[in-house]
Each structure stands twice: as C-alpha cells, then as structure tokens.
Amino acid sequence: MRMAPIPLATAAVVLAATAAQARTCTVEVEDLQQIKAGAMALVAQNVTMDGDKAARAERKIRQALQGGGPISIDPNEFKGAVRMKGTPSKAAVRDLVARVQKIIETCKL
C-alpha cells in the first residue's frame, strides 16, 4: 500500500514554519538606533572620504549597471577613496560590540 504525498507535504510545511519561528525574535527599536548611531559616530570620527574619487567610482558603477553588459571594474581606481584617519576608541568599539552581542544572545543566533 502506498502512502499519500499529503502527509509528507504537511510535514514539510510544519518544519518550514517551525524553522521560520525559530529565527524570529524581538529587538527594541531603541537598541537598533543606538547601534546605528554608535557605528555612524565611529565612521565619522575615523574615516575620511575623497569626494572626487567616490563620485568617479559611483559614475563608473552606474554606467556599468545601465549598460546591461558585463561589469568589469578595476579596484585600483577606488584606491584612496575611503581612508582611515585615526584609530577608533577601544571603549566605543567595545560598547558597539556589546550591544550587538546582547541582541545575538537574546535572539539565540
């Protein structure tokens, strides 16, 4: 006697739903806003950007994407567009990592 495929399909749906539920957790919006603000502050304090090089790079990428053909970009053309201008504060980095780690632990990721 052959089993109907319906129970197998139902089991697959139940397993998929269970997996989706396992990846769901609640995160406070304020926590995410603080992480974003901390990351942006670190970048603003420690990264410098050459506006001309960045604009040229953006134009090249847009032209390549609009052309519809294969995209080939020489990474050397982007050298110096973004540079570190200092070393981030260890305390600020630790705080940012701790906030992210809290979410990871809370969500059991």
C-alpha atoms as a PDB file:
ATOM      1  CA  MET A   1       0.000   0.000   0.000  1.00  0.00           C
ATOM      2  CA  ARG A   2       1.344   3.378  -0.977  1.00  0.00           C
ATOM      3  CA  MET A   3       1.191   6.432   1.344  1.00  0.00           C
ATOM      4  CA  ALA A   4      -0.382   9.574   0.026  1.00  0.00           C
ATOM      5  CA  PRO A   5       2.001  12.517  -0.535  1.00  0.00           C
ATOM      6  CA  ILE A   6      -0.188  14.833   1.533  1.00  0.00           C
ATOM      7  CA  PRO A   7       1.286  13.895   4.953  1.00  0.00           C
ATOM      8  CA  LEU A   8       4.799  14.432   3.599  1.00  0.00           C
ATOM      9  CA  ALA A   9       3.864  17.846   2.225  1.00  0.00           C
ATOM     10  CA  THR A  10       2.175  18.753   5.503  1.00  0.00           C
ATOM     11  CA  ALA A  11       5.281  17.726   7.428  1.00  0.00           C
ATOM     12  CA  ALA A  12       7.421  19.890   5.166  1.00  0.00           C
ATOM     13  CA  VAL A  13       5.163  22.898   5.762  1.00  0.00           C
ATOM     14  CA  VAL A  14       5.216  22.337   9.528  1.00  0.00           C
ATOM     15  CA  LEU A  15       9.023  22.059   9.518  1.00  0.00           C
ATOM     16  CA  ALA A  16       9.333  25.212   7.419  1.00  0.00           C
ATOM     17  CA  ALA A  17       7.001  27.099   9.750  1.00  0.00           C
ATOM     18  CA  THR A  18       8.949  25.876  12.783  1.00  0.00           C
ATOM     19  CA  ALA A  19      12.226  26.986  11.220  1.00  0.00           C
ATOM     20  CA  ALA A  20      10.760  30.411  10.460  1.00  0.00           C
ATOM     21  CA  GLN A  21       9.566  30.786  14.036  1.00  0.00           C
ATOM     22  CA  ALA A  22      12.964  29.793  15.387  1.00  0.00           C
ATOM     23  CA  ARG A  23      14.550  32.728  13.531  1.00  0.00           C
ATOM     24  CA  THR A  24      12.138  35.313  14.875  1.00  0.00           C
ATOM     25  CA  CYS A  25      12.911  37.463  17.901  1.00  0.00           C
ATOM     26  CA  THR A  26      12.014  40.847  19.301  1.00  0.00           C
ATOM     27  CA  VAL A  27      14.560  43.648  19.286  1.00  0.00           C
ATOM     28  CA  GLU A  28      13.929  47.073  20.741  1.00  0.00           C
ATOM     29  CA  VAL A  29      13.999  49.825  18.125  1.00  0.00           C
ATOM     30  CA  GLU A  30      15.961  51.982  20.564  1.00  0.00           C
ATOM     31  CA  ASP A  31      18.688  49.330  20.726  1.00  0.00           C
ATOM     32  CA  LEU A  32      18.998  49.307  16.946  1.00  0.00           C
ATOM     33  CA  GLN A  33      19.030  53.103  16.826  1.00  0.00           C
ATOM     34  CA  GLN A  34      21.832  53.202  19.417  1.00  0.00           C
ATOM     35  CA  ILE A  35      23.857  50.644  17.447  1.00  0.00           C
ATOM     36  CA  LYS A  36      23.387  52.640  14.247  1.00  0.00           C
ATOM     37  CA  ALA A  37      24.300  55.923  15.969  1.00  0.00           C
ATOM     38  CA  GLY A  38      27.400  54.345  17.517  1.00  0.00           C
ATOM     39  CA  ALA A  39      28.544  52.870  14.217  1.00  0.00           C
ATOM     40  CA  MET A  40      27.960  56.144  12.373  1.00  0.00           C
ATOM     41  CA  ALA A  41      29.868  58.071  15.046  1.00  0.00           C
ATOM     42  CA  LEU A  42      32.826  55.695  14.734  1.00  0.00           C
ATOM     43  CA  VAL A  43      32.831  56.112  10.964  1.00  0.00           C
ATOM     44  CA  ALA A  44      32.506  59.899  11.143  1.00  0.00           C
ATOM     45  CA  GLN A  45      35.384  60.158  13.587  1.00  0.00           C
ATOM     46  CA  ASN A  46      37.742  57.676  11.951  1.00  0.00           C
ATOM     47  CA  VAL A  47      37.113  57.527   8.212  1.00  0.00           C
ATOM     48  CA  THR A  48      37.751  60.143   5.555  1.00  0.00           C
ATOM     49  CA  MET A  49      36.392  60.064   2.038  1.00  0.00           C
ATOM     50  CA  ASP A  50      37.760  61.686  -1.103  1.00  0.00           C
ATOM     51  CA  GLY A  51      34.608  63.107  -2.667  1.00  0.00           C
ATOM     52  CA  ASP A  52      36.023  63.317  -6.201  1.00  0.00           C
ATOM     53  CA  LYS A  53      37.226  59.712  -6.248  1.00  0.00           C
ATOM     54  CA  ALA A  54      33.981  58.499  -4.706  1.00  0.00           C
ATOM     55  CA  ALA A  55      31.920  60.406  -7.292  1.00  0.00           C
ATOM     56  CA  ARG A  56      34.022  58.991 -10.158  1.00  0.00           C
ATOM     57  CA  ALA A  57      33.609  55.482  -8.771  1.00  0.00           C
ATOM     58  CA  GLU A  58      29.860  55.941  -8.408  1.00  0.00           C
ATOM     59  CA  ARG A  59      29.581  57.208 -12.020  1.00  0.00           C
ATOM     60  CA  LYS A  60      31.552  54.209 -13.321  1.00  0.00           C
ATOM     61  CA  ILE A  61      29.376  51.761 -11.419  1.00  0.00           C
ATOM     62  CA  ARG A  62      26.154  53.445 -12.597  1.00  0.00           C
ATOM     63  CA  GLN A  63      27.340  53.430 -16.225  1.00  0.00           C
ATOM     64  CA  ALA A  64      28.290  49.760 -15.979  1.00  0.00           C
ATOM     65  CA  LEU A  65      24.925  48.851 -14.470  1.00  0.00           C
ATOM     66  CA  GLN A  66      22.949  50.873 -17.019  1.00  0.00           C
ATOM     67  CA  GLY A  67      24.907  49.391 -19.916  1.00  0.00           C
ATOM     68  CA  GLY A  68      23.412  45.978 -19.251  1.00  0.00           C
ATOM     69  CA  GLY A  69      26.576  44.203 -20.327  1.00  0.00           C
ATOM     70  CA  PRO A  70      29.261  42.598 -18.248  1.00  0.00           C
ATOM     71  CA  ILE A  71      30.625  44.726 -15.438  1.00  0.00           C
ATOM     72  CA  SER A  72      34.378  44.998 -15.025  1.00  0.00           C
ATOM     73  CA  ILE A  73      35.748  47.457 -12.537  1.00  0.00           C
ATOM     74  CA  ASP A  74      39.388  47.903 -11.644  1.00  0.00           C
ATOM     75  CA  PRO A  75      39.672  48.058  -7.847  1.00  0.00           C
ATOM     76  CA  ASN A  76      42.769  50.240  -8.189  1.00  0.00           C
ATOM     77  CA  GLU A  77      40.514  53.038  -9.426  1.00  0.00           C
ATOM     78  CA  PHE A  78      38.926  53.138  -5.961  1.00  0.00           C
ATOM     79  CA  LYS A  79      42.195  53.343  -4.028  1.00  0.00           C
ATOM     80  CA  GLY A  80      42.229  56.259  -1.655  1.00  0.00           C
ATOM     81  CA  ALA A  81      38.513  56.988  -1.959  1.00  0.00           C
ATOM     82  CA  VAL A  82      37.997  55.840   1.639  1.00  0.00           C
ATOM     83  CA  ARG A  83      40.793  56.030   4.225  1.00  0.00           C
ATOM     84  CA  MET A  84      41.171  55.613   7.945  1.00  0.00           C
ATOM     85  CA  LYS A  85      42.105  58.890   9.585  1.00  0.00           C
ATOM     86  CA  GLY A  86      42.574  57.550  13.059  1.00  0.00           C
ATOM     87  CA  THR A  87      42.101  54.624  15.364  1.00  0.00           C
ATOM     88  CA  PRO A  88      38.649  54.129  16.818  1.00  0.00           C
ATOM     89  CA  SER A  89      38.287  54.342  20.574  1.00  0.00           C
ATOM     90  CA  LYS A  90      38.537  50.877  22.102  1.00  0.00           C
ATOM     91  CA  ALA A  91      35.769  51.762  24.547  1.00  0.00           C
ATOM     92  CA  ALA A  92      33.429  52.840  21.725  1.00  0.00           C
ATOM     93  CA  VAL A  93      34.154  49.658  19.756  1.00  0.00           C
ATOM     94  CA  ARG A  94      33.620  47.502  22.859  1.00  0.00           C
ATOM     95  CA  ASP A  95      30.316  49.259  23.555  1.00  0.00           C
ATOM     96  CA  LEU A  96      29.134  48.699  19.994  1.00  0.00           C
ATOM     97  CA  VAL A  97      30.172  45.036  20.060  1.00  0.00           C
ATOM     98  CA  ALA A  98      28.480  44.548  23.450  1.00  0.00           C
ATOM     99  CA  ARG A  99      25.212  45.963  22.124  1.00  0.00           C
ATOM    100  CA  VAL A 100      25.291  43.657  19.097  1.00  0.00           C
ATOM    101  CA  GLN A 101      26.284  40.697  21.295  1.00  0.00           C
ATOM    102  CA  LYS A 102      23.293  41.400  23.565  1.00  0.00           C
ATOM    103  CA  ILE A 103      20.951  41.084  20.584  1.00  0.00           C
ATOM    104  CA  ILE A 104      22.684  37.914  19.412  1.00  0.00           C
ATOM    105  CA  GLU A 105      22.324  36.330  22.853  1.00  0.00           C
ATOM    106  CA  THR A 106      18.732  37.484  23.278  1.00  0.00           C
ATOM    107  CA  CYS A 107      17.761  36.094  19.881  1.00  0.00           C
ATOM    108  CA  LYS A 108      19.907  32.976  20.321  1.00  0.00           C
ATOM    109  CA  LEU A 109      21.527  33.486  16.924  1.00  0.00           C
END
